[in-house]
C-alpha atoms as a PDB file:
ATOM      1  CA  MET A   1     -21.749 -11.269  -6.503  1.00  0.00           C
ATOM      2  CA  PRO A   2     -24.075 -10.046  -9.255  1.00  0.00           C
ATOM      3  CA  ALA A   3     -27.164 -10.830  -7.156  1.00  0.00           C
ATOM      4  CA  ILE A   4     -25.762  -8.878  -4.203  1.00  0.00           C
ATOM      5  CA  ALA A   5     -24.883  -5.960  -6.462  1.00  0.00           C
ATOM      6  CA  ARG A   6     -28.437  -5.922  -7.866  1.00  0.00           C
ATOM      7  CA  ARG A   7     -29.924  -5.969  -4.353  1.00  0.00           C
ATOM      8  CA  ALA A   8     -27.752  -2.995  -3.477  1.00  0.00           C
ATOM      9  CA  GLY A   9     -28.839  -1.217  -6.651  1.00  0.00           C
ATOM     10  CA  LEU A  10     -25.303  -1.166  -8.054  1.00  0.00           C
ATOM     11  CA  SER A  11     -23.515  -2.530 -11.085  1.00  0.00           C
ATOM     12  CA  ASP A  12     -21.027  -5.341 -10.450  1.00  0.00           C
ATOM     13  CA  ASP A  13     -18.110  -2.918 -10.735  1.00  0.00           C
ATOM     14  CA  GLY A  14     -19.866  -0.328  -8.599  1.00  0.00           C
ATOM     15  CA  PHE A  15     -20.448  -2.913  -5.900  1.00  0.00           C
ATOM     16  CA  ARG A  16     -16.812  -4.044  -5.950  1.00  0.00           C
ATOM     17  CA  ARG A  17     -15.600  -0.450  -5.648  1.00  0.00           C
ATOM     18  CA  ALA A  18     -18.035   0.364  -2.824  1.00  0.00           C
ATOM     19  CA  PHE A  19     -17.157  -2.857  -1.013  1.00  0.00           C
ATOM     20  CA  ARG A  20     -13.437  -2.155  -1.273  1.00  0.00           C
ATOM     21  CA  ARG A  21     -13.888   1.390   0.030  1.00  0.00           C
ATOM     22  CA  ALA A  22     -15.983   0.162   2.971  1.00  0.00           C
ATOM     23  CA  VAL A  23     -14.053  -2.987   3.893  1.00  0.00           C
ATOM     24  CA  GLY A  24     -10.547  -2.301   2.601  1.00  0.00           C
ATOM     25  CA  GLU A  25     -10.337  -5.331   0.332  1.00  0.00           C
ATOM     26  CA  THR A  26     -12.149  -6.722  -2.673  1.00  0.00           C
ATOM     27  CA  PRO A  27     -15.145  -9.006  -2.197  1.00  0.00           C
ATOM     28  CA  ALA A  28     -13.085 -11.925  -3.528  1.00  0.00           C
ATOM     29  CA  ALA A  29     -10.218 -11.257  -1.107  1.00  0.00           C
ATOM     30  CA  PHE A  30     -12.687 -10.883   1.761  1.00  0.00           C
ATOM     31  CA  ARG A  31     -14.352 -14.195   0.891  1.00  0.00           C
ATOM     32  CA  ARG A  32     -11.006 -15.969   0.592  1.00  0.00           C
ATOM     33  CA  ARG A  33      -9.817 -14.573   3.937  1.00  0.00           C
ATOM     34  CA  CYS A  34     -13.040 -15.639   5.670  1.00  0.00           C
ATOM     35  CA  ARG A  35     -12.792 -19.131   4.178  1.00  0.00           C
ATOM     36  CA  LEU A  36      -9.173 -19.475   5.296  1.00  0.00           C
ATOM     37  CA  GLU A  37     -10.076 -18.294   8.811  1.00  0.00           C
ATOM     38  CA  ALA A  38     -12.719 -21.031   8.910  1.00  0.00           C
ATOM     39  CA  VAL A  39     -10.109 -23.549   7.715  1.00  0.00           C
ATOM     40  CA  GLY A  40      -7.792 -22.445  10.520  1.00  0.00           C
ATOM     41  CA  ARG A  41     -10.499 -22.960  13.141  1.00  0.00           C
ATOM     42  CA  LEU A  42     -11.225 -26.456  11.812  1.00  0.00           C
ATOM     43  CA  LEU A  43      -7.540 -27.383  11.601  1.00  0.00           C
ATOM     44  CA  VAL A  44      -6.989 -26.520  15.249  1.00  0.00           C
ATOM     45  CA  ARG A  45      -9.718 -28.975  16.253  1.00  0.00           C
ATOM     46  CA  GLN A  46      -7.985 -31.778  14.267  1.00  0.00           C
ATOM     47  CA  GLU A  47     -11.260 -33.705  14.006  1.00  0.00           C
ATOM     48  CA  LEU A  48     -11.681 -33.624  10.229  1.00  0.00           C
ATOM     49  CA  THR A  49      -9.609 -34.698   7.265  1.00  0.00           C
ATOM     50  CA  LEU A  50      -8.350 -32.053   4.849  1.00  0.00           C
ATOM     51  CA  SER A  51     -10.907 -33.311   2.333  1.00  0.00           C
ATOM     52  CA  GLN A  52     -13.711 -32.768   4.828  1.00  0.00           C
ATOM     53  CA  ILE A  53     -12.406 -29.311   5.717  1.00  0.00           C
ATOM     54  CA  ALA A  54     -12.111 -28.412   2.018  1.00  0.00           C
ATOM     55  CA  ASP A  55     -15.693 -29.506   1.438  1.00  0.00           C
ATOM     56  CA  ALA A  56     -16.976 -27.629   4.490  1.00  0.00           C
ATOM     57  CA  THR A  57     -15.258 -24.378   3.508  1.00  0.00           C
ATOM     58  CA  GLY A  58     -15.971 -24.306  -0.216  1.00  0.00           C
ATOM     59  CA  PHE A  59     -12.657 -25.461  -1.662  1.00  0.00           C
ATOM     60  CA  SER A  60     -12.850 -27.875  -4.592  1.00  0.00           C
ATOM     61  CA  ASP A  61     -10.653 -30.480  -2.891  1.00  0.00           C
ATOM     62  CA  ALA A  62      -7.891 -31.006  -0.323  1.00  0.00           C
ATOM     63  CA  PHE A  63      -5.163 -30.264  -2.882  1.00  0.00           C
ATOM     64  CA  HIS A  64      -6.666 -26.875  -3.739  1.00  0.00           C
ATOM     65  CA  LEU A  65      -7.109 -26.054  -0.053  1.00  0.00           C
ATOM     66  CA  SER A  66      -3.499 -27.019   0.697  1.00  0.00           C
ATOM     67  CA  LYS A  67      -2.204 -24.959  -2.223  1.00  0.00           C
ATOM     68  CA  VAL A  68      -4.129 -21.815  -1.216  1.00  0.00           C
ATOM     69  CA  TRP A  69      -3.226 -22.260   2.467  1.00  0.00           C
ATOM     70  CA  LYS A  70       0.486 -22.627   1.662  1.00  0.00           C
ATOM     71  CA  GLN A  71       0.443 -19.611  -0.694  1.00  0.00           C
ATOM     72  CA  THR A  72      -1.147 -17.550   2.056  1.00  0.00           C
ATOM     73  CA  THR A  73       0.660 -18.769   5.181  1.00  0.00           C
ATOM     74  CA  GLY A  74       3.876 -20.281   3.860  1.00  0.00           C
ATOM     75  CA  SER A  75       3.265 -23.643   5.538  1.00  0.00           C
ATOM     76  CA  SER A  76       1.177 -26.738   4.933  1.00  0.00           C
ATOM     77  CA  PRO A  77      -2.228 -26.844   6.623  1.00  0.00           C
ATOM     78  CA  ARG A  78      -1.455 -29.847   8.800  1.00  0.00           C
ATOM     79  CA  GLY A  79       2.037 -28.652   9.652  1.00  0.00           C
ATOM     80  CA  THR A  80       0.518 -25.461  11.005  1.00  0.00           C
ATOM     81  CA  THR A  81      -1.311 -27.179  13.849  1.00  0.00           C
ATOM     82  CA  ARG A  82       1.128 -29.869  14.924  1.00  0.00           C
ATOM     83  CA  ASN A  83       3.888 -29.189  17.444  1.00  0.00           C
END
């Protein structure tokens, strides 16, 4: 984030405030939402393991991905796609 703020000619805090005003959420929340949307697209395909999906979307491991997914959606990542 600091590099982006510098490119925009803003302080870190100034960038976060401007981003929130423009997008409606903090940069961190935006990044997390985008990562989880990518996880959802990969889960639907059911071609990768959770570890592979975690690696592809920037989560530290499958456990961390599962924890964040469940906190956000209320269900486990694999349980979300299986009928």
